[in-house]
Amino acid sequence: MTESASLQPSTLRERKKQITRRMLVDAAVELCVKRGYENTTVEQIAAAADISTRTFSRYFATKEAVFIAVLDDLAAEIVAELTTQPADLGPMEALRAAHMAVLGRVSRRPLVGLTKDRIALILRIVNSSDALRQAAIDYRYPAAMKILARHMGVPPDDKRLDLGVALFSTTIVSACSDLVDSTGDIDLGPEIVMERLEQTLGHVAQFAADMDVDAPN
């Protein structure tokens, strides 16, 4: 059983909560596409999902949080892929390998909850505002952090682990920050993310190589 499969809700109550959460995310995404992020309110999202704002607050602490939850399906696939990575990989290399594997798979055929169109939607949503780009950088998927900590042999709150994840998150968000709409030269989807990610990680590696620093163990 994969890590993502083990996270599936097991009770009726948990399944209902998962359905409500999904309804809120879908409502937020639909409103954002129609009105834009800045013009979409928590009250509008709650009304579109036919729930109260109080109920909304039980699922998401902020407006940014409901939008950034669009990353969850991708993160779940990344988690499953992380479990197959060699134990000696550092967090950035493990995340790179997992992202490339998942995005490559999506480019060839749709996955459950994750398609080319979904990747394009994620790009449009995340890049629709500075607040959401920052939220994407700050996004942490607990199951992924647990696996990466195990790879490194450190606790999940280790600062070196957080640094590696933060560097990767900043890199992929920066690499894709201008991908808002498809154009004649750019087709939003997994392929452009893979291309940009590899290119930008190459820049990061070059910056690191240029530094003359002896890092302590």
N, C-alpha and C. Protein backbone atom coordinates (compact mmCIF):
# COMPACT_ATOMS: atom_id res chain seq x y z
N MET A 1 0.85 -1.21 0.00
CA MET A 1 0.00 0.00 0.00
C MET A 1 0.88 1.25 0.00
N THR A 2 0.56 2.23 -0.85
CA THR A 2 1.33 3.45 -0.88
C THR A 2 0.94 4.35 0.26
N GLU A 3 1.84 5.34 0.54
CA GLU A 3 1.57 6.29 1.60
C GLU A 3 0.29 7.06 1.33
N SER A 4 0.07 7.45 0.04
CA SER A 4 -1.12 8.22 -0.30
C SER A 4 -2.38 7.40 -0.11
N ALA A 5 -2.32 6.11 -0.44
CA ALA A 5 -3.50 5.27 -0.27
C ALA A 5 -3.87 5.13 1.20
N SER A 6 -2.85 5.08 2.08
CA SER A 6 -3.11 4.91 3.50
C SER A 6 -3.73 6.14 4.12
N LEU A 7 -3.68 7.26 3.39
CA LEU A 7 -4.25 8.49 3.91
C LEU A 7 -5.73 8.64 3.58
N GLN A 8 -6.29 7.69 2.83
CA GLN A 8 -7.69 7.79 2.46
C GLN A 8 -8.58 7.66 3.70
N PRO A 9 -9.66 8.47 3.79
CA PRO A 9 -10.53 8.42 4.96
C PRO A 9 -11.19 7.06 5.11
N SER A 10 -11.29 6.59 6.35
CA SER A 10 -11.77 5.22 6.59
C SER A 10 -13.17 5.17 7.19
N THR A 11 -13.65 6.26 7.77
CA THR A 11 -14.97 6.25 8.38
C THR A 11 -15.92 7.13 7.59
N LEU A 12 -17.24 6.94 7.81
CA LEU A 12 -18.24 7.74 7.11
C LEU A 12 -18.06 9.23 7.44
N ARG A 13 -17.81 9.54 8.70
CA ARG A 13 -17.62 10.94 9.10
C ARG A 13 -16.42 11.55 8.40
N GLU A 14 -15.33 10.80 8.33
CA GLU A 14 -14.14 11.32 7.66
C GLU A 14 -14.39 11.51 6.17
N ARG A 15 -15.14 10.58 5.57
CA ARG A 15 -15.44 10.71 4.14
C ARG A 15 -16.30 11.93 3.86
N LYS A 16 -17.28 12.20 4.76
CA LYS A 16 -18.12 13.39 4.60
C LYS A 16 -17.29 14.66 4.72
N LYS A 17 -16.36 14.65 5.67
CA LYS A 17 -15.48 15.82 5.83
C LYS A 17 -14.63 16.02 4.59
N GLN A 18 -14.15 14.92 4.02
CA GLN A 18 -13.34 15.00 2.82
C GLN A 18 -14.15 15.55 1.65
N ILE A 19 -15.41 15.14 1.55
CA ILE A 19 -16.28 15.63 0.48
C ILE A 19 -16.52 17.13 0.63
N THR A 20 -16.79 17.58 1.85
CA THR A 20 -17.02 19.00 2.10
C THR A 20 -15.76 19.80 1.78
N ARG A 21 -14.63 19.28 2.18
CA ARG A 21 -13.36 19.97 1.90
C ARG A 21 -13.15 20.10 0.40
N ARG A 22 -13.43 19.02 -0.32
CA ARG A 22 -13.28 19.05 -1.78
C ARG A 22 -14.25 20.05 -2.41
N MET A 23 -15.47 20.12 -1.90
CA MET A 23 -16.45 21.08 -2.42
C MET A 23 -15.96 22.50 -2.24
N LEU A 24 -15.35 22.79 -1.09
CA LEU A 24 -14.84 24.14 -0.83
C LEU A 24 -13.69 24.49 -1.78
N VAL A 25 -12.80 23.54 -1.99
CA VAL A 25 -11.69 23.80 -2.90
C VAL A 25 -12.20 24.02 -4.32
N ASP A 26 -13.12 23.17 -4.77
CA ASP A 26 -13.67 23.31 -6.13
C ASP A 26 -14.40 24.63 -6.30
N ALA A 27 -15.16 25.02 -5.26
CA ALA A 27 -15.89 26.30 -5.32
C ALA A 27 -14.92 27.47 -5.39
N ALA A 28 -13.86 27.40 -4.59
CA ALA A 28 -12.86 28.47 -4.58
C ALA A 28 -12.18 28.59 -5.94
N VAL A 29 -11.83 27.45 -6.52
CA VAL A 29 -11.16 27.45 -7.82
C VAL A 29 -12.07 28.02 -8.90
N GLU A 30 -13.33 27.59 -8.91
CA GLU A 30 -14.27 28.08 -9.91
C GLU A 30 -14.46 29.59 -9.81
N LEU A 31 -14.60 30.07 -8.58
CA LEU A 31 -14.77 31.51 -8.38
C LEU A 31 -13.51 32.29 -8.77
N CYS A 32 -12.35 31.71 -8.46
CA CYS A 32 -11.10 32.39 -8.80
C CYS A 32 -10.95 32.51 -10.31
N VAL A 33 -11.30 31.45 -11.03
CA VAL A 33 -11.20 31.48 -12.49
C VAL A 33 -12.14 32.54 -13.07
N LYS A 34 -13.34 32.68 -12.48
CA LYS A 34 -14.33 33.63 -12.98
C LYS A 34 -14.05 35.06 -12.54
N ARG A 35 -13.69 35.25 -11.26
CA ARG A 35 -13.62 36.60 -10.69
C ARG A 35 -12.20 37.07 -10.41
N GLY A 36 -11.26 36.14 -10.31
CA GLY A 36 -9.90 36.49 -9.88
C GLY A 36 -9.76 36.29 -8.38
N TYR A 37 -8.55 36.04 -7.95
CA TYR A 37 -8.31 35.74 -6.54
C TYR A 37 -8.69 36.91 -5.63
N GLU A 38 -8.27 38.11 -5.97
CA GLU A 38 -8.51 39.27 -5.12
C GLU A 38 -9.99 39.57 -4.96
N ASN A 39 -10.80 39.24 -5.98
CA ASN A 39 -12.22 39.55 -5.95
C ASN A 39 -13.08 38.42 -5.40
N THR A 40 -12.43 37.37 -4.92
CA THR A 40 -13.16 36.23 -4.35
C THR A 40 -13.05 36.28 -2.83
N THR A 41 -14.18 36.16 -2.13
CA THR A 41 -14.19 36.24 -0.67
C THR A 41 -14.52 34.89 -0.05
N VAL A 42 -14.21 34.77 1.22
CA VAL A 42 -14.56 33.56 1.97
C VAL A 42 -16.07 33.36 1.96
N GLU A 43 -16.82 34.46 2.12
CA GLU A 43 -18.28 34.37 2.12
C GLU A 43 -18.81 33.83 0.80
N GLN A 44 -18.22 34.25 -0.31
CA GLN A 44 -18.64 33.76 -1.61
C GLN A 44 -18.32 32.28 -1.79
N ILE A 45 -17.15 31.87 -1.31
CA ILE A 45 -16.76 30.46 -1.41
C ILE A 45 -17.70 29.59 -0.59
N ALA A 46 -17.98 30.02 0.64
CA ALA A 46 -18.88 29.27 1.52
C ALA A 46 -20.27 29.16 0.90
N ALA A 47 -20.77 30.27 0.36
CA ALA A 47 -22.10 30.27 -0.24
C ALA A 47 -22.15 29.34 -1.44
N ALA A 48 -21.09 29.33 -2.26
CA ALA A 48 -21.06 28.47 -3.44
C ALA A 48 -21.06 27.00 -3.05
N ALA A 49 -20.47 26.69 -1.89
CA ALA A 49 -20.44 25.31 -1.40
C ALA A 49 -21.65 24.99 -0.52
N ASP A 50 -22.52 25.98 -0.34
CA ASP A 50 -23.75 25.82 0.44
C ASP A 50 -23.46 25.47 1.90
N ILE A 51 -22.47 26.18 2.48
CA ILE A 51 -22.19 26.02 3.90
C ILE A 51 -22.01 27.41 4.51
N SER A 52 -21.94 27.47 5.84
CA SER A 52 -21.75 28.74 6.53
C SER A 52 -20.27 29.10 6.58
N THR A 53 -20.00 30.39 6.82
CA THR A 53 -18.60 30.81 6.97
C THR A 53 -17.98 30.17 8.22
N ARG A 54 -18.79 29.90 9.23
CA ARG A 54 -18.27 29.23 10.42
C ARG A 54 -17.79 27.82 10.07
N THR A 55 -18.58 27.12 9.25
CA THR A 55 -18.16 25.79 8.82
C THR A 55 -16.90 25.88 7.97
N PHE A 56 -16.82 26.89 7.11
CA PHE A 56 -15.61 27.11 6.31
C PHE A 56 -14.38 27.18 7.21
N SER A 57 -14.49 27.92 8.31
CA SER A 57 -13.34 28.12 9.20
C SER A 57 -12.89 26.83 9.89
N ARG A 58 -13.76 25.82 9.93
CA ARG A 58 -13.37 24.53 10.51
C ARG A 58 -12.45 23.76 9.57
N TYR A 59 -12.50 24.10 8.29
CA TYR A 59 -11.70 23.41 7.29
C TYR A 59 -10.46 24.20 6.88
N PHE A 60 -10.60 25.52 6.80
CA PHE A 60 -9.49 26.35 6.34
C PHE A 60 -9.39 27.61 7.20
N ALA A 61 -8.19 27.89 7.65
CA ALA A 61 -7.99 29.04 8.54
C ALA A 61 -8.03 30.36 7.78
N THR A 62 -7.66 30.35 6.51
CA THR A 62 -7.59 31.58 5.72
C THR A 62 -8.10 31.34 4.31
N LYS A 63 -8.31 32.43 3.59
CA LYS A 63 -8.70 32.31 2.18
C LYS A 63 -7.57 31.67 1.37
N GLU A 64 -6.33 32.04 1.66
CA GLU A 64 -5.20 31.47 0.94
C GLU A 64 -5.16 29.94 1.07
N ALA A 65 -5.51 29.45 2.27
CA ALA A 65 -5.40 28.02 2.54
C ALA A 65 -6.32 27.19 1.65
N VAL A 66 -7.53 27.66 1.40
CA VAL A 66 -8.45 26.88 0.57
C VAL A 66 -7.97 26.85 -0.88
N PHE A 67 -7.35 27.92 -1.34
CA PHE A 67 -6.84 27.92 -2.71
C PHE A 67 -5.61 27.04 -2.84
N ILE A 68 -4.72 27.10 -1.84
CA ILE A 68 -3.48 26.35 -1.95
C ILE A 68 -3.73 24.85 -1.78
N ALA A 69 -4.90 24.48 -1.26
CA ALA A 69 -5.25 23.05 -1.15
C ALA A 69 -5.39 22.39 -2.51
N VAL A 70 -5.40 23.20 -3.58
CA VAL A 70 -5.42 22.64 -4.93
C VAL A 70 -4.15 21.83 -5.19
N LEU A 71 -3.12 22.04 -4.35
CA LEU A 71 -1.87 21.30 -4.48
C LEU A 71 -1.93 19.90 -3.88
N ASP A 72 -2.98 19.60 -3.10
CA ASP A 72 -3.00 18.37 -2.33
C ASP A 72 -2.94 17.11 -3.19
N ASP A 73 -3.67 17.07 -4.31
CA ASP A 73 -3.65 15.89 -5.17
C ASP A 73 -2.26 15.63 -5.74
N LEU A 74 -1.59 16.71 -6.16
CA LEU A 74 -0.22 16.58 -6.64
C LEU A 74 0.68 16.10 -5.52
N ALA A 75 0.53 16.68 -4.33
CA ALA A 75 1.38 16.30 -3.20
C ALA A 75 1.19 14.84 -2.83
N ALA A 76 -0.03 14.34 -2.90
CA ALA A 76 -0.27 12.94 -2.57
C ALA A 76 0.47 12.01 -3.53
N GLU A 77 0.51 12.36 -4.81
CA GLU A 77 1.25 11.56 -5.78
C GLU A 77 2.75 11.67 -5.54
N ILE A 78 3.21 12.85 -5.16
CA ILE A 78 4.63 13.05 -4.85
C ILE A 78 5.03 12.17 -3.67
N VAL A 79 4.16 12.09 -2.65
CA VAL A 79 4.43 11.26 -1.48
C VAL A 79 4.62 9.80 -1.89
N ALA A 80 3.71 9.29 -2.72
CA ALA A 80 3.81 7.91 -3.17
C ALA A 80 5.13 7.67 -3.90
N GLU A 81 5.56 8.66 -4.70
CA GLU A 81 6.80 8.52 -5.45
C GLU A 81 8.02 8.63 -4.53
N LEU A 82 7.93 9.46 -3.50
CA LEU A 82 9.05 9.61 -2.56
C LEU A 82 9.39 8.30 -1.87
N THR A 83 8.39 7.47 -1.64
CA THR A 83 8.63 6.20 -0.96
C THR A 83 9.50 5.26 -1.79
N THR A 84 9.63 5.52 -3.09
CA THR A 84 10.42 4.65 -3.97
C THR A 84 11.83 5.19 -4.19
N GLN A 85 12.14 6.37 -3.68
CA GLN A 85 13.45 6.98 -3.93
C GLN A 85 14.53 6.35 -3.05
N PRO A 86 15.76 6.27 -3.56
CA PRO A 86 16.86 5.71 -2.76
C PRO A 86 17.03 6.45 -1.44
N ALA A 87 17.39 5.72 -0.41
CA ALA A 87 17.45 6.29 0.94
C ALA A 87 18.56 7.32 1.09
N ASP A 88 19.56 7.31 0.19
CA ASP A 88 20.69 8.23 0.37
C ASP A 88 20.48 9.57 -0.33
N LEU A 89 19.32 9.79 -0.93
CA LEU A 89 19.07 11.08 -1.59
C LEU A 89 18.73 12.15 -0.57
N GLY A 90 19.27 13.35 -0.77
CA GLY A 90 18.90 14.49 0.06
C GLY A 90 17.51 14.97 -0.30
N PRO A 91 16.94 15.89 0.49
CA PRO A 91 15.55 16.30 0.25
C PRO A 91 15.32 16.96 -1.10
N MET A 92 16.23 17.81 -1.55
CA MET A 92 16.01 18.48 -2.83
C MET A 92 16.08 17.50 -4.00
N GLU A 93 17.04 16.59 -3.96
CA GLU A 93 17.17 15.62 -5.05
C GLU A 93 16.01 14.63 -5.04
N ALA A 94 15.56 14.22 -3.84
CA ALA A 94 14.42 13.32 -3.75
C ALA A 94 13.16 13.99 -4.28
N LEU A 95 12.96 15.26 -3.92
CA LEU A 95 11.79 16.00 -4.41
C LEU A 95 11.88 16.21 -5.92
N ARG A 96 13.07 16.50 -6.42
CA ARG A 96 13.24 16.66 -7.88
C ARG A 96 12.85 15.37 -8.60
N ALA A 97 13.40 14.25 -8.13
CA ALA A 97 13.12 12.97 -8.79
C ALA A 97 11.64 12.62 -8.71
N ALA A 98 11.02 12.87 -7.56
CA ALA A 98 9.60 12.55 -7.39
C ALA A 98 8.73 13.42 -8.29
N HIS A 99 9.03 14.72 -8.33
CA HIS A 99 8.24 15.63 -9.18
C HIS A 99 8.39 15.26 -10.66
N MET A 100 9.60 14.98 -11.09
CA MET A 100 9.81 14.63 -12.50
C MET A 100 9.08 13.33 -12.85
N ALA A 101 9.09 12.37 -11.93
CA ALA A 101 8.40 11.10 -12.19
C ALA A 101 6.90 11.30 -12.29
N VAL A 102 6.33 12.04 -11.35
CA VAL A 102 4.88 12.25 -11.35
C VAL A 102 4.45 13.09 -12.55
N LEU A 103 5.14 14.19 -12.81
CA LEU A 103 4.77 15.05 -13.92
C LEU A 103 4.93 14.32 -15.26
N GLY A 104 5.98 13.50 -15.37
CA GLY A 104 6.16 12.71 -16.58
C GLY A 104 5.03 11.73 -16.78
N ARG A 105 4.57 11.12 -15.69
CA ARG A 105 3.47 10.17 -15.77
C ARG A 105 2.18 10.88 -16.21
N VAL A 106 1.92 12.05 -15.62
CA VAL A 106 0.71 12.81 -15.97
C VAL A 106 0.76 13.24 -17.43
N SER A 107 1.94 13.56 -17.93
CA SER A 107 2.05 13.99 -19.33
C SER A 107 1.71 12.87 -20.30
N ARG A 108 1.86 11.61 -19.83
CA ARG A 108 1.57 10.46 -20.70
C ARG A 108 0.14 9.98 -20.57
N ARG A 109 -0.42 10.07 -19.36
CA ARG A 109 -1.81 9.61 -19.17
C ARG A 109 -2.37 10.23 -17.90
N PRO A 110 -3.68 10.48 -17.83
CA PRO A 110 -4.28 11.07 -16.63
C PRO A 110 -4.17 10.12 -15.44
N LEU A 111 -3.99 10.69 -14.26
CA LEU A 111 -4.05 9.94 -13.01
C LEU A 111 -5.35 10.30 -12.31
N VAL A 112 -5.72 9.53 -11.31
CA VAL A 112 -6.94 9.84 -10.54
C VAL A 112 -6.73 11.16 -9.82
N GLY A 113 -7.55 12.16 -10.17
CA GLY A 113 -7.46 13.46 -9.51
C GLY A 113 -6.36 14.35 -10.04
N LEU A 114 -5.59 13.86 -11.02
CA LEU A 114 -4.46 14.65 -11.52
C LEU A 114 -4.31 14.44 -13.02
N THR A 115 -4.55 15.50 -13.77
CA THR A 115 -4.48 15.46 -15.22
C THR A 115 -3.66 16.65 -15.72
N LYS A 116 -3.43 16.68 -17.04
CA LYS A 116 -2.75 17.84 -17.61
C LYS A 116 -3.52 19.13 -17.32
N ASP A 117 -4.83 19.05 -17.45
CA ASP A 117 -5.65 20.24 -17.19
C ASP A 117 -5.56 20.66 -15.72
N ARG A 118 -5.46 19.67 -14.82
CA ARG A 118 -5.35 20.01 -13.40
C ARG A 118 -4.02 20.70 -13.11
N ILE A 119 -2.94 20.25 -13.74
CA ILE A 119 -1.65 20.91 -13.58
C ILE A 119 -1.73 22.34 -14.10
N ALA A 120 -2.37 22.52 -15.25
CA ALA A 120 -2.55 23.87 -15.81
C ALA A 120 -3.36 24.74 -14.85
N LEU A 121 -4.38 24.17 -14.25
CA LEU A 121 -5.21 24.91 -13.30
C LEU A 121 -4.40 25.31 -12.07
N ILE A 122 -3.59 24.40 -11.57
CA ILE A 122 -2.73 24.71 -10.43
C ILE A 122 -1.83 25.91 -10.75
N LEU A 123 -1.25 25.90 -11.94
CA LEU A 123 -0.39 27.02 -12.35
C LEU A 123 -1.16 28.33 -12.39
N ARG A 124 -2.36 28.29 -12.97
CA ARG A 124 -3.16 29.52 -13.06
C ARG A 124 -3.55 30.04 -11.68
N ILE A 125 -3.93 29.13 -10.79
CA ILE A 125 -4.37 29.54 -9.46
C ILE A 125 -3.20 30.08 -8.65
N VAL A 126 -2.13 29.31 -8.54
CA VAL A 126 -0.99 29.72 -7.71
C VAL A 126 -0.39 31.02 -8.21
N ASN A 127 -0.33 31.21 -9.51
CA ASN A 127 0.30 32.40 -10.07
C ASN A 127 -0.66 33.57 -10.23
N SER A 128 -1.87 33.44 -9.68
CA SER A 128 -2.84 34.53 -9.81
C SER A 128 -2.61 35.66 -8.81
N SER A 129 -1.76 35.43 -7.80
CA SER A 129 -1.47 36.50 -6.84
C SER A 129 -0.16 36.24 -6.13
N ASP A 130 0.46 37.32 -5.65
CA ASP A 130 1.70 37.18 -4.87
C ASP A 130 1.44 36.39 -3.60
N ALA A 131 0.26 36.57 -3.00
CA ALA A 131 -0.06 35.88 -1.75
C ALA A 131 -0.09 34.37 -1.96
N LEU A 132 -0.65 33.92 -3.08
CA LEU A 132 -0.72 32.49 -3.34
C LEU A 132 0.63 31.91 -3.72
N ARG A 133 1.45 32.69 -4.41
CA ARG A 133 2.81 32.21 -4.70
C ARG A 133 3.58 32.00 -3.40
N GLN A 134 3.43 32.94 -2.45
CA GLN A 134 4.10 32.79 -1.17
C GLN A 134 3.52 31.62 -0.39
N ALA A 135 2.21 31.44 -0.47
CA ALA A 135 1.57 30.31 0.21
C ALA A 135 2.07 28.98 -0.36
N ALA A 136 2.32 28.93 -1.66
CA ALA A 136 2.85 27.72 -2.28
C ALA A 136 4.27 27.43 -1.79
N ILE A 137 5.06 28.48 -1.60
CA ILE A 137 6.40 28.31 -1.06
C ILE A 137 6.34 27.78 0.37
N ASP A 138 5.39 28.27 1.14
CA ASP A 138 5.25 27.87 2.54
C ASP A 138 4.53 26.53 2.72
N TYR A 139 3.94 26.00 1.65
CA TYR A 139 3.14 24.76 1.72
C TYR A 139 4.01 23.59 2.15
N ARG A 140 3.52 22.84 3.14
CA ARG A 140 4.20 21.63 3.59
C ARG A 140 3.17 20.51 3.70
N TYR A 141 3.44 19.39 3.08
CA TYR A 141 2.55 18.22 3.14
C TYR A 141 3.13 17.29 4.19
N PRO A 142 2.44 17.09 5.31
CA PRO A 142 3.02 16.35 6.44
C PRO A 142 3.60 14.99 6.07
N ALA A 143 2.91 14.23 5.23
CA ALA A 143 3.40 12.90 4.86
C ALA A 143 4.73 12.99 4.10
N ALA A 144 4.87 14.02 3.25
CA ALA A 144 6.12 14.20 2.52
C ALA A 144 7.25 14.57 3.48
N MET A 145 6.97 15.44 4.43
CA MET A 145 7.99 15.84 5.40
C MET A 145 8.45 14.63 6.22
N LYS A 146 7.52 13.75 6.55
CA LYS A 146 7.85 12.56 7.33
C LYS A 146 8.79 11.65 6.55
N ILE A 147 8.50 11.44 5.28
CA ILE A 147 9.34 10.56 4.45
C ILE A 147 10.72 11.18 4.24
N LEU A 148 10.77 12.48 3.98
CA LEU A 148 12.05 13.15 3.75
C LEU A 148 12.89 13.14 5.02
N ALA A 149 12.25 13.31 6.17
CA ALA A 149 12.98 13.25 7.44
C ALA A 149 13.59 11.86 7.63
N ARG A 150 12.83 10.83 7.25
CA ARG A 150 13.32 9.47 7.37
C ARG A 150 14.52 9.25 6.43
N HIS A 151 14.46 9.83 5.23
CA HIS A 151 15.58 9.76 4.30
C HIS A 151 16.84 10.36 4.92
N MET A 152 16.67 11.50 5.59
CA MET A 152 17.81 12.23 6.13
C MET A 152 18.25 11.70 7.49
N GLY A 153 17.39 10.91 8.13
CA GLY A 153 17.70 10.43 9.47
C GLY A 153 17.62 11.53 10.51
N VAL A 154 16.64 12.43 10.32
CA VAL A 154 16.46 13.55 11.24
C VAL A 154 14.99 13.64 11.63
N PRO A 155 14.66 14.35 12.71
CA PRO A 155 13.25 14.56 13.05
C PRO A 155 12.58 15.49 12.05
N PRO A 156 11.24 15.40 11.90
CA PRO A 156 10.53 16.22 10.91
C PRO A 156 10.69 17.73 11.10
N ASP A 157 11.06 18.17 12.33
CA ASP A 157 11.22 19.61 12.55
C ASP A 157 12.68 20.06 12.44
N ASP A 158 13.54 19.20 11.89
CA ASP A 158 14.95 19.56 11.74
C ASP A 158 15.11 20.74 10.79
N LYS A 159 15.95 21.71 11.15
CA LYS A 159 16.09 22.92 10.35
C LYS A 159 16.69 22.65 8.97
N ARG A 160 17.57 21.65 8.90
CA ARG A 160 18.18 21.35 7.59
C ARG A 160 17.14 20.78 6.63
N LEU A 161 16.22 19.98 7.16
CA LEU A 161 15.13 19.46 6.33
C LEU A 161 14.26 20.60 5.84
N ASP A 162 13.88 21.49 6.74
CA ASP A 162 13.03 22.62 6.34
C ASP A 162 13.74 23.49 5.31
N LEU A 163 15.05 23.67 5.47
CA LEU A 163 15.81 24.46 4.51
C LEU A 163 15.77 23.82 3.13
N GLY A 164 15.99 22.51 3.07
CA GLY A 164 15.97 21.82 1.78
C GLY A 164 14.62 21.92 1.10
N VAL A 165 13.55 21.72 1.87
CA VAL A 165 12.20 21.80 1.30
C VAL A 165 11.89 23.24 0.88
N ALA A 166 12.30 24.21 1.70
CA ALA A 166 12.07 25.62 1.36
C ALA A 166 12.81 26.01 0.09
N LEU A 167 14.03 25.53 -0.06
CA LEU A 167 14.79 25.83 -1.28
C LEU A 167 14.12 25.23 -2.51
N PHE A 168 13.64 23.99 -2.37
CA PHE A 168 12.97 23.36 -3.51
C PHE A 168 11.67 24.09 -3.84
N SER A 169 10.88 24.41 -2.81
CA SER A 169 9.60 25.09 -3.03
C SER A 169 9.81 26.45 -3.69
N THR A 170 10.81 27.18 -3.21
CA THR A 170 11.11 28.49 -3.80
C THR A 170 11.55 28.33 -5.24
N THR A 171 12.33 27.30 -5.51
CA THR A 171 12.83 27.07 -6.87
C THR A 171 11.71 26.77 -7.85
N ILE A 172 10.80 25.86 -7.49
CA ILE A 172 9.75 25.49 -8.44
C ILE A 172 8.74 26.62 -8.61
N VAL A 173 8.45 27.36 -7.54
CA VAL A 173 7.53 28.50 -7.67
C VAL A 173 8.16 29.58 -8.52
N SER A 174 9.44 29.87 -8.29
CA SER A 174 10.13 30.88 -9.09
C SER A 174 10.21 30.45 -10.55
N ALA A 175 10.48 29.17 -10.79
CA ALA A 175 10.60 28.66 -12.16
C ALA A 175 9.31 28.84 -12.96
N CYS A 176 8.18 28.74 -12.26
CA CYS A 176 6.87 28.74 -12.95
C CYS A 176 6.07 30.01 -12.70
N SER A 177 6.68 31.04 -12.13
CA SER A 177 5.93 32.20 -11.65
C SER A 177 5.20 32.98 -12.74
N ASP A 178 5.65 32.86 -13.99
CA ASP A 178 5.01 33.60 -15.08
C ASP A 178 4.02 32.75 -15.87
N LEU A 179 3.80 31.52 -15.43
CA LEU A 179 2.92 30.61 -16.18
C LEU A 179 1.49 30.77 -15.71
N VAL A 180 0.79 31.70 -16.32
CA VAL A 180 -0.59 32.01 -15.94
C VAL A 180 -1.56 31.57 -17.03
N ASP A 181 -1.20 31.74 -18.28
CA ASP A 181 -2.06 31.38 -19.40
C ASP A 181 -1.24 30.72 -20.49
N SER A 182 -1.87 29.83 -21.23
CA SER A 182 -1.22 29.26 -22.40
C SER A 182 -1.10 30.35 -23.47
N THR A 183 0.03 30.31 -24.20
CA THR A 183 0.25 31.25 -25.30
C THR A 183 0.71 30.46 -26.51
N GLY A 184 1.08 31.19 -27.56
CA GLY A 184 1.57 30.51 -28.74
C GLY A 184 2.83 29.71 -28.47
N ASP A 185 3.65 30.18 -27.51
CA ASP A 185 4.93 29.52 -27.21
C ASP A 185 4.86 28.61 -26.00
N ILE A 186 3.84 28.79 -25.16
CA ILE A 186 3.76 28.05 -23.89
C ILE A 186 2.42 27.36 -23.77
N ASP A 187 2.46 26.06 -23.52
CA ASP A 187 1.25 25.28 -23.27
C ASP A 187 1.28 24.86 -21.80
N LEU A 188 0.39 25.41 -20.99
CA LEU A 188 0.39 25.10 -19.57
C LEU A 188 0.13 23.61 -19.35
N GLY A 189 0.93 23.00 -18.51
CA GLY A 189 0.78 21.59 -18.23
C GLY A 189 2.05 21.03 -17.63
N PRO A 190 2.13 19.72 -17.45
CA PRO A 190 3.29 19.12 -16.79
C PRO A 190 4.60 19.30 -17.54
N GLU A 191 4.54 19.32 -18.88
CA GLU A 191 5.78 19.39 -19.66
C GLU A 191 6.54 20.69 -19.40
N ILE A 192 5.85 21.81 -19.38
CA ILE A 192 6.52 23.09 -19.17
C ILE A 192 7.05 23.19 -17.74
N VAL A 193 6.34 22.59 -16.78
CA VAL A 193 6.83 22.59 -15.40
C VAL A 193 8.12 21.78 -15.31
N MET A 194 8.17 20.61 -15.94
CA MET A 194 9.38 19.79 -15.94
C MET A 194 10.56 20.54 -16.56
N GLU A 195 10.30 21.20 -17.68
CA GLU A 195 11.36 21.93 -18.37
C GLU A 195 11.89 23.07 -17.51
N ARG A 196 10.98 23.85 -16.95
CA ARG A 196 11.38 25.00 -16.13
C ARG A 196 12.09 24.54 -14.85
N LEU A 197 11.58 23.45 -14.23
CA LEU A 197 12.16 22.97 -12.99
C LEU A 197 13.61 22.52 -13.19
N GLU A 198 13.86 21.73 -14.23
CA GLU A 198 15.21 21.27 -14.50
C GLU A 198 16.15 22.44 -14.78
N GLN A 199 15.67 23.40 -15.55
CA GLN A 199 16.49 24.56 -15.89
C GLN A 199 16.84 25.36 -14.64
N THR A 200 15.85 25.61 -13.80
CA THR A 200 16.07 26.45 -12.62
C THR A 200 16.89 25.73 -11.56
N LEU A 201 16.69 24.43 -11.40
CA LEU A 201 17.54 23.67 -10.47
C LEU A 201 18.99 23.68 -10.93
N GLY A 202 19.20 23.72 -12.24
CA GLY A 202 20.55 23.86 -12.76
C GLY A 202 21.18 25.17 -12.34
N HIS A 203 20.38 26.24 -12.35
CA HIS A 203 20.87 27.54 -11.89
C HIS A 203 21.22 27.49 -10.40
N VAL A 204 20.35 26.85 -9.62
CA VAL A 204 20.60 26.73 -8.18
C VAL A 204 21.89 25.97 -7.92
N ALA A 205 22.10 24.88 -8.65
CA ALA A 205 23.32 24.09 -8.49
C ALA A 205 24.56 24.92 -8.83
N GLN A 206 24.44 25.75 -9.86
CA GLN A 206 25.56 26.60 -10.24
C GLN A 206 25.86 27.65 -9.18
N PHE A 207 24.80 28.24 -8.63
CA PHE A 207 24.99 29.21 -7.55
C PHE A 207 25.70 28.56 -6.37
N ALA A 208 25.28 27.34 -6.01
CA ALA A 208 25.88 26.64 -4.88
C ALA A 208 27.35 26.31 -5.16
N ALA A 209 27.64 25.92 -6.41
CA ALA A 209 29.02 25.58 -6.77
C ALA A 209 29.93 26.80 -6.72
N ASP A 210 29.36 27.97 -6.95
CA ASP A 210 30.15 29.20 -6.95
C ASP A 210 30.49 29.69 -5.54
N MET A 211 29.81 29.13 -4.53
CA MET A 211 30.04 29.56 -3.16
C MET A 211 31.25 28.85 -2.57
N ASP A 212 32.09 29.59 -1.88
CA ASP A 212 33.27 29.03 -1.24
C ASP A 212 33.02 28.94 0.26
N VAL A 213 32.24 27.94 0.65
CA VAL A 213 31.84 27.81 2.04
C VAL A 213 32.02 26.36 2.47
N ASP A 214 32.63 26.18 3.64
CA ASP A 214 32.73 24.84 4.22
C ASP A 214 31.58 24.66 5.20
N ALA A 215 30.57 23.85 4.82
CA ALA A 215 29.40 23.66 5.66
C ALA A 215 29.72 22.69 6.78
N PRO A 216 29.32 23.01 8.03
CA PRO A 216 29.55 22.08 9.14
C PRO A 216 28.66 20.86 9.01
N ASN A 217 29.09 19.75 9.56
CA ASN A 217 28.28 18.53 9.54
C ASN A 217 27.08 18.67 10.46
